[in-house]
Structure formats: C-alpha cells, structure tokens
Protein backbone atom coordinates (compact mmCIF):
# COMPACT_ATOMS: atom_id res chain seq x y z
CA MET A 1 9.80 55.68 -48.53
CA GLY A 2 12.69 54.47 -46.44
CA LYS A 3 16.01 53.22 -47.65
CA ARG A 4 17.58 49.88 -46.84
CA ARG A 5 20.42 50.30 -44.39
CA GLU A 6 22.95 48.06 -42.70
CA PRO A 7 22.64 48.21 -38.91
CA ARG A 8 25.98 48.55 -37.13
CA LYS A 9 27.19 46.03 -34.56
CA PRO A 10 29.15 47.68 -31.73
CA VAL A 11 32.21 45.49 -31.45
CA GLN A 12 35.88 46.10 -30.67
CA VAL A 13 38.25 43.86 -32.60
CA THR A 14 41.74 44.46 -33.94
CA VAL A 15 42.19 44.71 -37.70
CA ARG A 16 45.17 45.47 -39.92
CA ILE A 17 44.83 48.33 -42.39
CA LEU A 18 47.13 48.67 -45.39
CA GLY A 19 47.14 51.50 -47.93
CA THR A 20 48.42 54.96 -48.78
CA ASP A 21 47.98 57.94 -46.46
CA ALA A 22 46.78 61.43 -47.43
CA ALA A 23 50.37 62.45 -48.25
CA GLY A 24 50.81 59.52 -50.67
CA ARG A 25 53.01 57.44 -48.35
CA PRO A 26 52.38 53.70 -47.96
CA PHE A 27 51.48 52.60 -44.44
CA ALA A 28 50.31 49.55 -42.50
CA GLU A 29 49.15 49.40 -38.89
CA LYS A 30 46.84 47.61 -36.48
CA VAL A 31 43.79 49.53 -35.22
CA GLU A 32 40.57 48.79 -33.37
CA THR A 33 37.03 48.88 -34.66
CA LEU A 34 34.23 50.70 -32.86
CA ASP A 35 31.43 49.13 -34.87
CA VAL A 36 31.05 46.85 -37.87
CA SER A 37 28.35 46.22 -40.47
CA ARG A 38 28.16 44.33 -43.74
CA SER A 39 28.62 47.59 -45.60
CA GLY A 40 31.44 49.15 -43.59
CA LEU A 41 33.63 49.75 -40.55
CA HIS A 42 34.21 52.50 -37.99
CA LEU A 43 37.89 52.58 -36.98
CA ARG A 44 39.52 54.54 -34.19
CA GLY A 45 43.04 55.62 -33.38
CA LEU A 46 44.67 55.74 -36.81
CA SER A 47 48.12 57.33 -36.66
CA VAL A 48 47.87 58.71 -40.21
CA ALA A 49 45.30 60.79 -42.07
CA LEU A 50 43.65 59.11 -45.05
CA LYS A 51 42.37 60.56 -48.32
CA LEU A 52 38.63 60.35 -48.91
CA GLU A 53 37.53 57.79 -51.52
CA ASP A 54 40.94 56.05 -51.48
CA THR A 55 40.92 52.25 -51.33
CA VAL A 56 42.52 50.45 -48.39
CA SER A 57 42.89 46.80 -47.47
CA ILE A 58 41.49 45.51 -44.17
CA SER A 59 42.66 42.16 -42.74
CA TYR A 60 41.03 40.24 -39.90
CA LYS A 61 42.79 37.05 -38.90
CA ASP A 62 43.27 35.22 -42.23
CA GLN A 63 40.57 37.14 -44.13
CA LYS A 64 40.85 40.44 -45.96
CA ALA A 65 38.75 42.81 -48.05
CA ARG A 66 38.97 46.17 -49.77
CA TYR A 67 37.23 49.30 -48.44
CA HIS A 68 36.65 52.90 -49.53
CA VAL A 69 37.52 55.76 -47.13
CA LYS A 70 34.24 57.68 -46.62
CA TRP A 71 34.96 60.06 -43.74
CA LEU A 72 37.75 61.11 -41.38
CA ILE A 73 37.69 63.09 -38.12
CA PRO A 74 40.35 63.91 -35.49
CA ALA A 75 40.20 61.54 -32.52
CA PRO A 76 40.32 62.87 -28.94
CA THR A 77 43.87 62.76 -27.59
CA VAL A 78 45.80 63.86 -24.52
CA PRO A 79 47.33 67.36 -25.00
CA GLY A 80 50.84 67.04 -26.39
CA SER A 81 50.33 63.55 -27.79
CA PRO A 82 50.49 62.74 -31.54
CA ALA A 83 47.38 63.30 -33.63
CA ARG A 84 45.04 60.35 -34.09
CA TRP A 85 42.13 59.85 -36.49
CA ASN A 86 38.84 58.00 -36.59
CA ALA A 87 37.64 56.83 -39.98
CA GLY A 88 34.58 55.40 -41.66
CA LEU A 89 35.16 52.79 -44.38
CA GLU A 90 32.73 51.36 -46.94
CA ASN A 91 33.04 47.72 -47.99
CA HIS A 92 33.69 47.03 -51.70
CA SER A 93 31.92 43.67 -51.40
CA PRO A 94 29.27 43.88 -48.65
CA GLU A 95 27.93 40.43 -49.52
CA ARG A 96 31.14 38.94 -48.06
CA ASN A 97 31.72 38.88 -44.29
CA ILE A 98 35.42 38.64 -43.37
CA PHE A 99 34.65 38.48 -39.64
CA ASP A 100 34.07 35.31 -37.61
CA PHE A 101 30.95 36.65 -35.90
CA PRO A 102 27.46 37.28 -37.33
CA LEU A 103 26.52 40.74 -38.57
CA PRO A 104 23.04 42.29 -38.55
CA THR A 105 20.86 41.87 -41.61
CA PRO A 106 19.61 44.93 -43.54
CA ILE A 107 16.57 46.81 -42.25
CA LEU A 108 14.30 49.40 -43.79
CA ASP A 109 15.36 52.81 -42.49
CA ASN A 110 12.32 55.07 -42.08
CA TYR A 111 14.01 57.67 -39.93
CA VAL A 112 12.89 61.15 -41.02
CA GLY A 113 15.43 63.16 -39.07
CA ARG A 114 15.07 66.30 -36.99
CA SER A 115 15.07 69.75 -38.46
CA SER A 116 16.30 73.01 -37.00
CA SER A 117 12.79 73.49 -35.59
CA GLY A 118 13.30 70.36 -33.49
CA LEU A 119 10.35 68.61 -35.16
CA PRO A 120 10.69 65.44 -37.21
CA GLY A 121 10.69 66.30 -40.89
CA GLY A 122 10.65 70.06 -40.31
CA SER A 123 7.93 72.65 -40.65
CA ALA A 124 6.34 73.52 -43.97
CA GLY A 125 8.62 76.52 -44.28
CA GLU A 126 11.70 74.35 -43.85
CA ARG A 127 10.83 71.61 -46.35
CA ARG A 128 13.02 71.27 -49.40
CA THR A 129 12.24 73.63 -52.31
CA LEU A 130 15.43 73.01 -54.33
CA PRO A 131 16.08 69.59 -55.88
CA ARG A 132 19.13 67.80 -54.53
CA MET A 133 21.21 65.62 -56.81
CA ARG A 134 23.29 62.55 -56.09
CA CYS A 135 26.89 63.56 -55.69
CA VAL A 136 30.20 61.99 -54.65
CA ALA A 137 32.56 64.70 -53.45
CA SER A 138 35.04 65.37 -50.66
CA ALA A 139 34.39 68.07 -48.09
CA GLU A 140 36.11 69.87 -45.23
CA LEU A 141 33.89 71.05 -42.37
CA HIS A 142 35.11 73.90 -40.17
CA PRO A 143 32.69 74.35 -37.24
CA ASP A 144 32.89 77.76 -35.58
CA GLY A 145 35.27 77.79 -32.63
CA THR A 146 37.16 74.60 -33.52
CA GLY A 147 40.63 74.01 -34.89
CA ALA A 148 41.15 70.87 -36.97
CA PRO A 149 38.72 70.39 -39.88
CA ILE A 150 36.43 67.39 -40.18
CA MET A 151 36.94 65.45 -43.42
CA ALA A 152 33.84 63.80 -44.86
CA GLY A 153 32.00 62.87 -48.03
CA ILE A 154 28.99 64.52 -49.65
CA ALA A 155 26.10 62.23 -50.64
CA ASP A 156 23.86 64.81 -52.29
CA LEU A 157 23.99 68.48 -53.22
CA SER A 158 21.72 71.36 -54.23
CA LEU A 159 21.86 75.16 -54.43
CA GLY A 160 20.38 75.23 -50.95
CA GLY A 161 22.62 72.77 -49.12
CA CYS A 162 24.05 69.26 -48.96
CA PHE A 163 23.98 66.02 -47.01
CA VAL A 164 27.20 64.98 -45.25
CA ASP A 165 27.78 61.25 -44.94
CA MET A 166 29.18 60.57 -41.45
CA PRO A 167 27.90 58.71 -38.38
CA MET A 168 28.65 61.37 -35.74
CA SER A 169 26.62 64.47 -36.51
CA LEU A 170 27.18 67.96 -35.18
CA PRO A 171 24.41 69.53 -33.06
CA ILE A 172 21.44 71.14 -34.80
CA ARG A 173 22.06 74.85 -35.63
CA THR A 174 25.87 74.49 -35.49
CA GLN A 175 27.40 77.22 -37.66
CA LEU A 176 30.30 76.23 -39.86
CA LYS A 177 32.27 76.85 -43.02
CA VAL A 178 32.11 74.08 -45.62
CA VAL A 179 34.64 73.50 -48.40
CA ILE A 180 33.62 71.05 -51.14
CA TRP A 181 35.80 69.94 -54.03
CA LEU A 182 33.63 69.89 -57.16
CA ASP A 183 36.00 67.91 -59.37
CA SER A 184 39.01 70.29 -59.43
CA VAL A 185 37.01 73.38 -58.36
CA LYS A 186 37.07 74.54 -54.74
CA PHE A 187 33.63 75.63 -53.52
CA GLN A 188 33.17 77.43 -50.18
CA ALA A 189 30.08 78.49 -48.26
CA SER A 190 28.83 79.35 -44.79
CA ALA A 191 26.37 76.76 -43.54
CA MET A 192 24.27 75.58 -40.60
CA VAL A 193 23.35 72.07 -39.51
CA SER A 194 19.65 71.89 -40.35
CA ASN A 195 18.87 68.24 -39.52
CA THR A 196 20.54 65.02 -38.44
CA ARG A 197 20.15 61.31 -39.06
CA PRO A 198 22.05 59.60 -36.21
CA GLY A 199 24.47 57.02 -37.53
CA PHE A 200 24.15 58.21 -41.14
CA GLY A 201 24.90 61.93 -41.42
CA MET A 202 23.50 65.44 -41.34
CA GLY A 203 21.95 68.00 -43.62
CA LEU A 204 23.59 71.40 -44.10
CA HIS A 205 21.76 74.53 -45.18
CA PHE A 206 23.91 77.11 -47.00
CA THR A 207 23.46 80.40 -45.16
CA GLY A 208 26.04 82.47 -47.01
CA LEU A 209 26.59 81.90 -50.73
CA PRO A 210 28.42 84.69 -52.63
CA GLN A 211 27.57 84.98 -56.32
CA GLU A 212 30.99 83.65 -57.35
CA GLU A 213 30.46 80.48 -55.31
CA ARG A 214 26.86 80.12 -56.51
CA THR A 215 28.09 80.26 -60.11
CA LYS A 216 30.56 77.42 -59.41
CA LEU A 217 27.82 75.31 -57.85
CA GLU A 218 25.34 75.99 -60.67
CA ALA A 219 27.95 74.95 -63.25
CA TYR A 220 28.70 71.72 -61.40
CA LEU A 221 25.05 70.78 -60.86
CA ALA A 222 24.31 71.42 -64.54
CA LYS A 223 26.77 68.76 -65.69
CA ILE A 224 26.20 65.91 -63.21
CA PRO A 225 23.65 63.16 -64.08
CA ARG A 226 20.11 64.23 -63.26
CA TYR A 227 19.17 61.51 -60.82
CA PRO A 228 17.46 63.18 -57.85
CA PHE A 229 18.31 61.58 -54.51
CA GLN A 230 15.12 59.98 -53.18
CA SER A 231 15.87 59.01 -49.61
CA PRO A 232 14.50 61.55 -47.09
CA ARG A 233 16.67 63.39 -44.60
C-alpha cells in the first residue's frame, strides 16, 4: 500500500522566518524557498542553525503560519564565507495555504525505493526481518570523509536500522556514523545507506552496533507505543 503524500511545487519566493535558533537566541530574517507543498517548505540560505522539532513562524506577504523544523543541512558556500543552512519545515496546519498561488493536491505515493542491490524493493535477503516502530527523534549524520554533520529527523526505528526524513538522500552504500537522541540518551552506530526514496528520505542499515548501544536501543524500543510503521521504504 502506498501512502498519501504532498507533491512539492518548485518555486522561489521570499518568506520571513521568525523563531529561536539552535543556541536559544531569537532571530528573524528573510530567506528564499526552493519548493513548497501544502505540508511543508524547503528553505535555503538561513544564516542560523535551527533546532529540530522547534516551532517557527513563516510569513508570506500578509499571511503567516507555524511550522516544525524537520531537517537541517549545511548549504554550499564560497570558501571563507559565513556558514549557511538549508532547512525542511512541516506545516502545523496543512489545510491552510498562506501562499497566493495554487499548490498540488495530494497523490498516492507508491514508490518502493531502491535497495543496496540496485533493485526496487531489494532482494529477498535484504527484505526487512526486524519490525520498525514509529519514532520521532533527532539525529546527526556523519558521512565518511565529510566535515559538518547533517541534522535530520528519524521517522521510524528498529534494531536493524532507521528511516531518515529528508528530501536530499545520500548515495546508496554511503558509509556513515549516526547519532540519535533517544529522549535524553545518546545512541551511536555505524551505518550504511541501504535504500532511498527521492524527495522523502533514506533507509539506514546499522552495520556496527556494540552491545552497549544495542542495549540502549532495546530499552527505548521497549517503551515506545507499539504501532508498526506501515509505509514501505
């Protein structure tokens, strides 16, 4: 079964964002969108880092709405210039369009993704054997050979891996270190990108999970509501 998704409309308009940055300081600035949907925005060129799951206010002309911060990645910049950030925001009230142009209507997303084998859905040996549970958590991704971490959100989690909610996926088989905050507990593991869903996120397979980290993950999974995530990846 697919899941209903909100198609993105590539459009560049200026919006005003107001909120608190990752250091707890209030800020307000004008930035440009890269794409817009009823459920969220993709912003580029923020001068401050934001904290995942914080609420910010977005204004467009005389309309405004509240959004959640869902992911954050460093934006490409000229060497020596100040750091900039791209961010993905989720609309608190997707039924309300603050923009003066039409947005796409929801569609049924039947995309099955590509696995590390390169085949849609993966081979029999790669199909999921561990149940994944719905989860809202913050994560830091540290791909091998890169400097600044990628900040993102986790949509589901299991003992075998997780799904990272972000529109720009890393290449299949990318090796990385992942840090996930399970409430107040810091969980770390080595991982590999096992599949991607362009525009939505990517699946990570834990390749190195020391017993201490596995114990943390088992304890967390045991206490979250048992509602298995149904949408395929």
